[in-house]
Amino acid sequence: MLDAPKTTEKSFADGKILQSVSDGVGVITFNNPEKRNAMSLDMWEGLGHALVELRDDPEVRVVIMVGAGDKAFVSGADISQFEKTRHNAEAGEEYAKKSAAQRALLADYPKPTIACIRGFCLGGGMQVAMLADIRIASDYSQFGIPAARLGIAYGYDGLKHLVSLVGPSWARLLMYTGMRIDAAEGLRIGLVDRLVSDIELWDATLEIARTISGNAPLAIQAAKITIAQVLKDESKRDMDAIKAIGNACMDSEDFREGRRAFMEKRKPQFKGR
């Protein structure tokens, strides 16, 4: 079990989504280890509640998502619910609608997000991980999207993110075969950003999160907004948003603090304004 810091903790979805905050770092834990953290609809809704609370907490500057136990990040959707929730096209569309808001929330999240991945990261788990800004994985993690083996279509948004990370050829190979790849292959093709040993995973993830938390929030927000716009078609880019956040950084108290701290050879104390 990853030893996540727990200063304040809340739970959602009957305890299957846990939320904690420590030193500017929010942690969301998928807590369904008996099913390898497979996602139910209740867990999707609980994820949304946890994300909103951390988004609106001014003390939180970065969010880590992690799976409970040592078997999985998220092993996919809870297939035991499929007979009830995804048994045909109409039911599948309703299921997608109920989880779409949470996926959109994560896709457009204003704060940096990190997926801390150990064990299985499959199907819906891949979707969650790909929506994070950064993916750090242990060296025995496994990745895959078994949609072809279940006879279901993986959604547009999920495939869009997959193609943007690994390219169309690898996306086709993964989707057509339903194959699993190991962590080293995931790193090689761009699905994973950093690979560490299992014993180092949490500390390595937390170190990155704390580094982000200690930097200027407006500057990080500027980077996040600008990168998001770069990834859009040129005709759809919001250049005004890029200019606005750039001006906000230049006029900020944090920029003045950063300059003073540099000249005084001390660590800056950023306030996010």
C-alpha atoms as a PDB file:
ATOM      1  CA  MET A   1       0.000   0.000   0.000  1.00  0.00           C
ATOM      2  CA  LEU A   2       1.367   3.409  -0.888  1.00  0.00           C
ATOM      3  CA  ASP A   3       2.010   5.502   2.201  1.00  0.00           C
ATOM      4  CA  ALA A   4       0.232   8.687   1.126  1.00  0.00           C
ATOM      5  CA  PRO A   5       0.262  11.638   3.542  1.00  0.00           C
ATOM      6  CA  LYS A   6      -3.077  12.170   5.233  1.00  0.00           C
ATOM      7  CA  THR A   7      -3.507  15.456   7.041  1.00  0.00           C
ATOM      8  CA  THR A   8      -7.180  15.967   6.268  1.00  0.00           C
ATOM      9  CA  GLU A   9      -9.202  13.214   4.676  1.00  0.00           C
ATOM     10  CA  LYS A  10     -12.657  12.812   3.185  1.00  0.00           C
ATOM     11  CA  SER A  11     -14.330   9.924   1.419  1.00  0.00           C
ATOM     12  CA  PHE A  12     -16.869   9.599  -1.376  1.00  0.00           C
ATOM     13  CA  ALA A  13     -18.683   6.717  -3.095  1.00  0.00           C
ATOM     14  CA  ASP A  14     -19.019   4.761   0.157  1.00  0.00           C
ATOM     15  CA  GLY A  15     -15.308   5.070   0.847  1.00  0.00           C
ATOM     16  CA  LYS A  16     -14.159   3.959  -2.607  1.00  0.00           C
ATOM     17  CA  ILE A  17     -12.803   7.411  -3.393  1.00  0.00           C
ATOM     18  CA  LEU A  18     -10.569   8.960  -0.737  1.00  0.00           C
ATOM     19  CA  GLN A  19      -9.328  12.529  -0.668  1.00  0.00           C
ATOM     20  CA  SER A  20      -6.541  13.981   1.483  1.00  0.00           C
ATOM     21  CA  VAL A  21      -4.487  17.172   1.600  1.00  0.00           C
ATOM     22  CA  SER A  22      -0.991  17.753   2.931  1.00  0.00           C
ATOM     23  CA  ASP A  23       1.435  20.628   2.368  1.00  0.00           C
ATOM     24  CA  GLY A  24      -0.308  21.964  -0.726  1.00  0.00           C
ATOM     25  CA  VAL A  25      -0.671  18.520  -2.316  1.00  0.00           C
ATOM     26  CA  GLY A  26      -4.107  16.976  -2.783  1.00  0.00           C
ATOM     27  CA  VAL A  27      -4.314  13.191  -3.088  1.00  0.00           C
ATOM     28  CA  ILE A  28      -7.223  11.243  -4.593  1.00  0.00           C
ATOM     29  CA  THR A  29      -7.123   7.491  -3.958  1.00  0.00           C
ATOM     30  CA  PHE A  30      -9.146   4.945  -5.936  1.00  0.00           C
ATOM     31  CA  ASN A  31     -10.004   2.677  -3.025  1.00  0.00           C
ATOM     32  CA  ASN A  32     -11.551  -0.474  -4.434  1.00  0.00           C
ATOM     33  CA  PRO A  33      -8.614  -2.879  -4.098  1.00  0.00           C
ATOM     34  CA  GLU A  34     -10.712  -6.059  -3.944  1.00  0.00           C
ATOM     35  CA  LYS A  35     -11.670  -5.294  -7.567  1.00  0.00           C
ATOM     36  CA  ARG A  36      -8.274  -3.874  -8.482  1.00  0.00           C
ATOM     37  CA  ASN A  37      -9.789  -0.407  -8.189  1.00  0.00           C
ATOM     38  CA  ALA A  38     -12.235  -0.976 -11.049  1.00  0.00           C
ATOM     39  CA  MET A  39     -14.399   2.108 -11.545  1.00  0.00           C
ATOM     40  CA  SER A  40     -18.130   2.031 -10.860  1.00  0.00           C
ATOM     41  CA  LEU A  41     -20.445   4.908 -11.740  1.00  0.00           C
ATOM     42  CA  ASP A  42     -20.509   5.880  -8.071  1.00  0.00           C
ATOM     43  CA  MET A  43     -16.729   6.084  -8.126  1.00  0.00           C
ATOM     44  CA  TRP A  44     -16.790   8.320 -11.209  1.00  0.00           C
ATOM     45  CA  GLU A  45     -19.197  10.642  -9.398  1.00  0.00           C
ATOM     46  CA  GLY A  46     -17.074  10.501  -6.250  1.00  0.00           C
ATOM     47  CA  LEU A  47     -14.009  11.377  -8.302  1.00  0.00           C
ATOM     48  CA  GLY A  48     -15.844  14.442  -9.569  1.00  0.00           C
ATOM     49  CA  HIS A  49     -16.734  15.565  -6.041  1.00  0.00           C
ATOM     50  CA  ALA A  50     -13.143  15.105  -4.860  1.00  0.00           C
ATOM     51  CA  LEU A  51     -11.757  17.007  -7.842  1.00  0.00           C
ATOM     52  CA  VAL A  52     -14.123  19.935  -7.301  1.00  0.00           C
ATOM     53  CA  GLU A  53     -13.231  20.226  -3.615  1.00  0.00           C
ATOM     54  CA  LEU A  54      -9.508  20.181  -4.335  1.00  0.00           C
ATOM     55  CA  ARG A  55      -9.962  22.616  -7.212  1.00  0.00           C
ATOM     56  CA  ASP A  56     -11.716  25.071  -4.919  1.00  0.00           C
ATOM     57  CA  ASP A  57      -9.275  24.686  -2.009  1.00  0.00           C
ATOM     58  CA  PRO A  58      -6.819  27.600  -2.238  1.00  0.00           C
ATOM     59  CA  GLU A  59      -4.232  25.650  -0.251  1.00  0.00           C
ATOM     60  CA  VAL A  60      -4.037  22.889  -2.880  1.00  0.00           C
ATOM     61  CA  ARG A  61      -1.635  23.541  -5.740  1.00  0.00           C
ATOM     62  CA  VAL A  62      -1.271  20.084  -7.304  1.00  0.00           C
ATOM     63  CA  VAL A  63      -3.312  16.850  -7.265  1.00  0.00           C
ATOM     64  CA  ILE A  64      -2.017  13.275  -7.277  1.00  0.00           C
ATOM     65  CA  MET A  65      -4.270  10.357  -8.269  1.00  0.00           C
ATOM     66  CA  VAL A  66      -3.259   6.918  -7.006  1.00  0.00           C
ATOM     67  CA  GLY A  67      -4.742   3.444  -6.587  1.00  0.00           C
ATOM     68  CA  ALA A  68      -5.087   1.705  -3.231  1.00  0.00           C
ATOM     69  CA  GLY A  69      -3.212  -1.531  -2.652  1.00  0.00           C
ATOM     70  CA  ASP A  70      -0.355  -2.911  -4.700  1.00  0.00           C
ATOM     71  CA  LYS A  71      -2.216  -4.485  -7.645  1.00  0.00           C
ATOM     72  CA  ALA A  72      -3.626  -1.630  -9.693  1.00  0.00           C
ATOM     73  CA  PHE A  73      -3.970   2.061 -10.399  1.00  0.00           C
ATOM     74  CA  VAL A  74      -7.379   1.471 -11.980  1.00  0.00           C
ATOM     75  CA  SER A  75      -8.000  -1.818 -13.775  1.00  0.00           C
ATOM     76  CA  GLY A  76     -10.834  -0.404 -15.895  1.00  0.00           C
ATOM     77  CA  ALA A  77     -14.585  -0.147 -15.560  1.00  0.00           C
ATOM     78  CA  ASP A  78     -16.401  -2.440 -13.142  1.00  0.00           C
ATOM     79  CA  ILE A  79     -17.551  -5.077 -15.634  1.00  0.00           C
ATOM     80  CA  SER A  80     -19.917  -6.585 -13.061  1.00  0.00           C
ATOM     81  CA  GLN A  81     -22.115  -3.513 -13.619  1.00  0.00           C
ATOM     82  CA  PHE A  82     -22.279  -3.913 -17.399  1.00  0.00           C
ATOM     83  CA  GLU A  83     -25.426  -6.076 -17.489  1.00  0.00           C
ATOM     84  CA  LYS A  84     -27.238  -3.265 -15.727  1.00  0.00           C
ATOM     85  CA  THR A  85     -25.509  -0.125 -16.967  1.00  0.00           C
ATOM     86  CA  ARG A  86     -23.985  -0.892 -20.412  1.00  0.00           C
ATOM     87  CA  HIS A  87     -25.948  -3.825 -21.842  1.00  0.00           C
ATOM     88  CA  ASN A  88     -26.924  -2.053 -25.089  1.00  0.00           C
ATOM     89  CA  ALA A  89     -26.390   1.186 -27.013  1.00  0.00           C
ATOM     90  CA  GLU A  90     -29.007   3.176 -25.104  1.00  0.00           C
ATOM     91  CA  ALA A  91     -27.693   2.087 -21.722  1.00  0.00           C
ATOM     92  CA  GLY A  92     -24.117   2.655 -22.860  1.00  0.00           C
ATOM     93  CA  GLU A  93     -24.939   6.202 -23.919  1.00  0.00           C
ATOM     94  CA  GLU A  94     -26.517   6.912 -20.543  1.00  0.00           C
ATOM     95  CA  TYR A  95     -23.453   5.479 -18.785  1.00  0.00           C
ATOM     96  CA  ALA A  96     -21.187   7.679 -20.885  1.00  0.00           C
ATOM     97  CA  LYS A  97     -23.239  10.763 -20.046  1.00  0.00           C
ATOM     98  CA  LYS A  98     -22.971  10.085 -16.328  1.00  0.00           C
ATOM     99  CA  SER A  99     -19.187   9.818 -16.436  1.00  0.00           C
ATOM    100  CA  ALA A 100     -18.626  12.482 -19.112  1.00  0.00           C
ATOM    101  CA  ALA A 101     -18.841  15.394 -16.669  1.00  0.00           C
ATOM    102  CA  GLN A 102     -16.100  13.926 -14.507  1.00  0.00           C
ATOM    103  CA  ARG A 103     -13.868  13.235 -17.495  1.00  0.00           C
ATOM    104  CA  ALA A 104     -14.391  16.786 -18.755  1.00  0.00           C
ATOM    105  CA  LEU A 105     -13.621  18.156 -15.304  1.00  0.00           C
ATOM    106  CA  LEU A 106     -10.324  16.289 -15.229  1.00  0.00           C
ATOM    107  CA  ALA A 107      -9.493  17.210 -18.835  1.00  0.00           C
ATOM    108  CA  ASP A 108      -9.911  20.942 -18.124  1.00  0.00           C
ATOM    109  CA  TYR A 109      -8.618  20.897 -14.553  1.00  0.00           C
ATOM    110  CA  PRO A 110      -6.952  24.223 -13.683  1.00  0.00           C
ATOM    111  CA  LYS A 111      -4.341  22.725 -11.350  1.00  0.00           C
ATOM    112  CA  PRO A 112      -1.534  20.309 -12.279  1.00  0.00           C
ATOM    113  CA  THR A 113      -2.478  16.636 -11.992  1.00  0.00           C
ATOM    114  CA  ILE A 114      -0.231  13.594 -11.620  1.00  0.00           C
ATOM    115  CA  ALA A 115      -1.143   9.929 -12.090  1.00  0.00           C
ATOM    116  CA  CYS A 116       0.909   7.737  -9.759  1.00  0.00           C
ATOM    117  CA  ILE A 117       0.638   4.307 -11.394  1.00  0.00           C
ATOM    118  CA  ARG A 118       1.499   0.903 -10.033  1.00  0.00           C
ATOM    119  CA  GLY A 119       0.162  -2.416 -11.283  1.00  0.00           C
ATOM    120  CA  PHE A 120      -2.704  -2.560 -13.760  1.00  0.00           C
ATOM    121  CA  CYS A 121      -3.731   0.578 -15.644  1.00  0.00           C
ATOM    122  CA  LEU A 122      -6.341  -0.660 -18.083  1.00  0.00           C
ATOM    123  CA  GLY A 123      -9.367   0.626 -20.016  1.00  0.00           C
ATOM    124  CA  GLY A 124     -11.002   3.361 -17.968  1.00  0.00           C
ATOM    125  CA  GLY A 125      -7.851   3.520 -15.871  1.00  0.00           C
ATOM    126  CA  MET A 126      -5.915   4.434 -18.988  1.00  0.00           C
ATOM    127  CA  GLN A 127      -8.460   7.145 -19.654  1.00  0.00           C
ATOM    128  CA  VAL A 128      -7.968   8.620 -16.176  1.00  0.00           C
ATOM    129  CA  ALA A 129      -4.178   8.411 -16.462  1.00  0.00           C
ATOM    130  CA  MET A 130      -4.098   9.977 -19.929  1.00  0.00           C
ATOM    131  CA  LEU A 131      -6.163  12.910 -18.675  1.00  0.00           C
ATOM    132  CA  ALA A 132      -3.513  13.668 -16.054  1.00  0.00           C
ATOM    133  CA  ASP A 133      -0.777  16.162 -16.905  1.00  0.00           C
ATOM    134  CA  ILE A 134       2.005  13.826 -15.780  1.00  0.00           C
ATOM    135  CA  ARG A 135       2.205  10.025 -15.542  1.00  0.00           C
ATOM    136  CA  ILE A 136       4.738   8.388 -13.238  1.00  0.00           C
ATOM    137  CA  ALA A 137       4.741   4.592 -13.145  1.00  0.00           C
ATOM    138  CA  SER A 138       6.407   1.781 -11.263  1.00  0.00           C
ATOM    139  CA  ASP A 139       8.515  -0.620 -13.261  1.00  0.00           C
ATOM    140  CA  TYR A 140       6.013  -3.461 -13.006  1.00  0.00           C
ATOM    141  CA  SER A 141       2.963  -1.562 -14.200  1.00  0.00           C
ATOM    142  CA  GLN A 142       0.924  -2.840 -17.137  1.00  0.00           C
ATOM    143  CA  PHE A 143      -1.104  -0.829 -19.632  1.00  0.00           C
ATOM    144  CA  GLY A 144      -3.820  -1.708 -22.107  1.00  0.00           C
ATOM    145  CA  ILE A 145      -7.304  -1.039 -23.460  1.00  0.00           C
ATOM    146  CA  PRO A 146      -9.221  -4.332 -23.819  1.00  0.00           C
ATOM    147  CA  ALA A 147     -12.241  -2.806 -25.581  1.00  0.00           C
ATOM    148  CA  ALA A 148     -11.903  -5.150 -28.589  1.00  0.00           C
ATOM    149  CA  ARG A 149     -11.986  -8.164 -26.262  1.00  0.00           C
ATOM    150  CA  LEU A 150     -15.220  -6.932 -24.688  1.00  0.00           C
ATOM    151  CA  GLY A 151     -16.932  -5.866 -27.891  1.00  0.00           C
ATOM    152  CA  ILE A 152     -17.287  -2.214 -26.911  1.00  0.00           C
ATOM    153  CA  ALA A 153     -16.116   1.013 -28.527  1.00  0.00           C
ATOM    154  CA  TYR A 154     -13.607   3.157 -26.675  1.00  0.00           C
ATOM    155  CA  GLY A 155     -14.792   6.773 -26.706  1.00  0.00           C
ATOM    156  CA  TYR A 156     -13.551   9.611 -28.903  1.00  0.00           C
ATOM    157  CA  ASP A 157     -11.982  11.591 -26.063  1.00  0.00           C
ATOM    158  CA  GLY A 158     -10.026   8.598 -24.806  1.00  0.00           C
ATOM    159  CA  LEU A 159      -8.702   7.772 -28.258  1.00  0.00           C
ATOM    160  CA  LYS A 160      -7.878  11.417 -28.927  1.00  0.00           C
ATOM    161  CA  HIS A 161      -5.629  11.464 -25.871  1.00  0.00           C
ATOM    162  CA  LEU A 162      -4.133   8.088 -26.752  1.00  0.00           C
ATOM    163  CA  VAL A 163      -3.241   9.205 -30.279  1.00  0.00           C
ATOM    164  CA  SER A 164      -1.788  12.481 -28.984  1.00  0.00           C
ATOM    165  CA  LEU A 165       0.507  10.557 -26.603  1.00  0.00           C
ATOM    166  CA  VAL A 166       1.630   7.527 -28.619  1.00  0.00           C
ATOM    167  CA  GLY A 167       0.682   8.361 -32.217  1.00  0.00           C
ATOM    168  CA  PRO A 168      -1.841   6.684 -34.532  1.00  0.00           C
ATOM    169  CA  SER A 169       0.176   3.531 -35.277  1.00  0.00           C
ATOM    170  CA  TRP A 170       0.619   2.518 -31.652  1.00  0.00           C
ATOM    171  CA  ALA A 171      -2.977   3.524 -30.923  1.00  0.00           C
ATOM    172  CA  ARG A 172      -4.128   1.125 -33.656  1.00  0.00           C
ATOM    173  CA  LEU A 173      -1.941  -1.694 -32.361  1.00  0.00           C
ATOM    174  CA  LEU A 174      -3.185  -1.287 -28.795  1.00  0.00           C
ATOM    175  CA  MET A 175      -6.824  -0.964 -29.806  1.00  0.00           C
ATOM    176  CA  TYR A 176      -6.955  -3.655 -32.494  1.00  0.00           C
ATOM    177  CA  THR A 177      -5.214  -6.303 -30.372  1.00  0.00           C
ATOM    178  CA  GLY A 178      -6.327  -5.364 -26.863  1.00  0.00           C
ATOM    179  CA  MET A 179      -2.756  -6.224 -25.876  1.00  0.00           C
ATOM    180  CA  ARG A 180      -1.078  -5.219 -22.651  1.00  0.00           C
ATOM    181  CA  ILE A 181       2.300  -3.561 -22.608  1.00  0.00           C
ATOM    182  CA  ASP A 182       4.746  -3.315 -19.746  1.00  0.00           C
ATOM    183  CA  ALA A 183       6.004  -0.135 -18.153  1.00  0.00           C
ATOM    184  CA  ALA A 184       9.250  -0.022 -20.138  1.00  0.00           C
ATOM    185  CA  GLU A 185       7.304  -0.147 -23.418  1.00  0.00           C
ATOM    186  CA  GLY A 186       4.908   2.485 -22.074  1.00  0.00           C
ATOM    187  CA  LEU A 187       7.844   4.780 -21.387  1.00  0.00           C
ATOM    188  CA  ARG A 188       9.380   4.122 -24.793  1.00  0.00           C
ATOM    189  CA  ILE A 189       6.243   5.038 -26.744  1.00  0.00           C
ATOM    190  CA  GLY A 190       5.416   8.122 -24.671  1.00  0.00           C
ATOM    191  CA  LEU A 191       2.508   6.797 -22.629  1.00  0.00           C
ATOM    192  CA  VAL A 192       4.505   7.204 -19.402  1.00  0.00           C
ATOM    193  CA  ASP A 193       6.622  10.236 -18.534  1.00  0.00           C
ATOM    194  CA  ARG A 194       8.840   8.714 -15.867  1.00  0.00           C
ATOM    195  CA  LEU A 195       9.545   5.154 -14.770  1.00  0.00           C
ATOM    196  CA  VAL A 196      10.821   4.321 -11.268  1.00  0.00           C
ATOM    197  CA  SER A 197      11.159   1.231  -9.109  1.00  0.00           C
ATOM    198  CA  ASP A 198       8.077   0.218  -7.185  1.00  0.00           C
ATOM    199  CA  ILE A 199       9.670   1.011  -3.850  1.00  0.00           C
ATOM    200  CA  GLU A 200      10.533   4.542  -5.026  1.00  0.00           C
ATOM    201  CA  LEU A 201       7.222   5.299  -6.742  1.00  0.00           C
ATOM    202  CA  TRP A 202       5.423   7.264  -4.058  1.00  0.00           C
ATOM    203  CA  ASP A 203       8.460   9.248  -2.915  1.00  0.00           C
ATOM    204  CA  ALA A 204       9.356  10.119  -6.507  1.00  0.00           C
ATOM    205  CA  THR A 205       5.798  11.226  -7.243  1.00  0.00           C
ATOM    206  CA  LEU A 206       5.556  13.253  -4.057  1.00  0.00           C
ATOM    207  CA  GLU A 207       8.883  14.939  -4.744  1.00  0.00           C
ATOM    208  CA  ILE A 208       7.631  16.143  -8.120  1.00  0.00           C
ATOM    209  CA  ALA A 209       4.306  17.246  -6.613  1.00  0.00           C
ATOM    210  CA  ARG A 210       6.045  19.219  -3.861  1.00  0.00           C
ATOM    211  CA  THR A 211       8.380  20.830  -6.380  1.00  0.00           C
ATOM    212  CA  ILE A 212       5.356  21.967  -8.376  1.00  0.00           C
ATOM    213  CA  SER A 213       3.604  23.122  -5.204  1.00  0.00           C
ATOM    214  CA  GLY A 214       6.599  25.283  -4.306  1.00  0.00           C
ATOM    215  CA  ASN A 215       6.653  27.075  -7.661  1.00  0.00           C
ATOM    216  CA  ALA A 216       4.587  30.083  -8.677  1.00  0.00           C
ATOM    217  CA  PRO A 217       0.966  28.957  -9.251  1.00  0.00           C
ATOM    218  CA  LEU A 218       0.230  31.625 -11.866  1.00  0.00           C
ATOM    219  CA  ALA A 219       3.302  30.684 -13.900  1.00  0.00           C
ATOM    220  CA  ILE A 220       2.256  27.029 -13.814  1.00  0.00           C
ATOM    221  CA  GLN A 221      -1.283  27.998 -14.795  1.00  0.00           C
ATOM    222  CA  ALA A 222       0.163  29.981 -17.709  1.00  0.00           C
ATOM    223  CA  ALA A 223       2.114  26.945 -18.878  1.00  0.00           C
ATOM    224  CA  LYS A 224      -0.933  24.689 -18.562  1.00  0.00           C
ATOM    225  CA  ILE A 225      -3.188  27.071 -20.477  1.00  0.00           C
ATOM    226  CA  THR A 226      -0.640  27.692 -23.228  1.00  0.00           C
ATOM    227  CA  ILE A 227       0.202  24.010 -23.747  1.00  0.00           C
ATOM    228  CA  ALA A 228      -3.522  23.215 -23.963  1.00  0.00           C
ATOM    229  CA  GLN A 229      -3.944  25.845 -26.656  1.00  0.00           C
ATOM    230  CA  VAL A 230      -0.885  24.602 -28.577  1.00  0.00           C
ATOM    231  CA  LEU A 231      -2.529  21.181 -28.808  1.00  0.00           C
ATOM    232  CA  LYS A 232      -5.663  22.615 -30.422  1.00  0.00           C
ATOM    233  CA  ASP A 233      -6.158  23.326 -34.107  1.00  0.00           C
ATOM    234  CA  GLU A 234      -4.857  26.774 -34.911  1.00  0.00           C
ATOM    235  CA  SER A 235      -8.340  28.082 -35.713  1.00  0.00           C
ATOM    236  CA  LYS A 236      -9.582  27.079 -32.254  1.00  0.00           C
ATOM    237  CA  ARG A 237      -6.777  28.509 -30.150  1.00  0.00           C
ATOM    238  CA  ASP A 238      -7.662  31.166 -27.582  1.00  0.00           C
ATOM    239  CA  MET A 239      -4.732  33.523 -27.925  1.00  0.00           C
ATOM    240  CA  ASP A 240      -6.480  36.080 -25.716  1.00  0.00           C
ATOM    241  CA  ALA A 241      -6.426  33.605 -22.829  1.00  0.00           C
ATOM    242  CA  ILE A 242      -2.681  33.116 -23.313  1.00  0.00           C
ATOM    243  CA  LYS A 243      -2.095  36.860 -23.346  1.00  0.00           C
ATOM    244  CA  ALA A 244      -4.286  37.415 -20.283  1.00  0.00           C
ATOM    245  CA  ILE A 245      -2.509  34.863 -18.114  1.00  0.00           C
ATOM    246  CA  GLY A 246       0.862  36.147 -19.314  1.00  0.00           C
ATOM    247  CA  ASN A 247      -0.067  39.687 -18.254  1.00  0.00           C
ATOM    248  CA  ALA A 248      -1.381  38.378 -14.924  1.00  0.00           C
ATOM    249  CA  CYS A 249       1.997  36.756 -14.266  1.00  0.00           C
ATOM    250  CA  MET A 250       3.957  39.903 -15.113  1.00  0.00           C
ATOM    251  CA  ASP A 251       1.754  42.056 -12.839  1.00  0.00           C
ATOM    252  CA  SER A 252       1.678  39.540  -9.991  1.00  0.00           C
ATOM    253  CA  GLU A 253       3.001  39.793  -6.477  1.00  0.00           C
ATOM    254  CA  ASP A 254       4.625  36.416  -7.099  1.00  0.00           C
ATOM    255  CA  PHE A 255       6.762  37.820  -9.929  1.00  0.00           C
ATOM    256  CA  ARG A 256       8.031  40.542  -7.590  1.00  0.00           C
ATOM    257  CA  GLU A 257       8.662  37.924  -4.899  1.00  0.00           C
ATOM    258  CA  GLY A 258      10.527  35.718  -7.365  1.00  0.00           C
ATOM    259  CA  ARG A 259      12.833  38.585  -8.348  1.00  0.00           C
ATOM    260  CA  ARG A 260      13.493  39.555  -4.735  1.00  0.00           C
ATOM    261  CA  ALA A 261      14.159  35.970  -3.671  1.00  0.00           C
ATOM    262  CA  PHE A 262      16.628  35.505  -6.523  1.00  0.00           C
ATOM    263  CA  MET A 263      18.567  38.641  -5.598  1.00  0.00           C
ATOM    264  CA  GLU A 264      18.490  37.742  -1.897  1.00  0.00           C
ATOM    265  CA  LYS A 265      19.520  34.132  -2.599  1.00  0.00           C
ATOM    266  CA  ARG A 266      16.585  32.616  -0.719  1.00  0.00           C
ATOM    267  CA  LYS A 267      13.665  30.364  -1.484  1.00  0.00           C
ATOM    268  CA  PRO A 268      10.650  32.332  -2.782  1.00  0.00           C
ATOM    269  CA  GLN A 269       7.338  32.205  -0.928  1.00  0.00           C
ATOM    270  CA  PHE A 270       4.699  32.299  -3.640  1.00  0.00           C
ATOM    271  CA  LYS A 271       1.070  33.190  -2.868  1.00  0.00           C
ATOM    272  CA  GLY A 272      -0.596  32.591  -6.209  1.00  0.00           C
ATOM    273  CA  ARG A 273      -1.448  36.233  -6.780  1.00  0.00           C
END
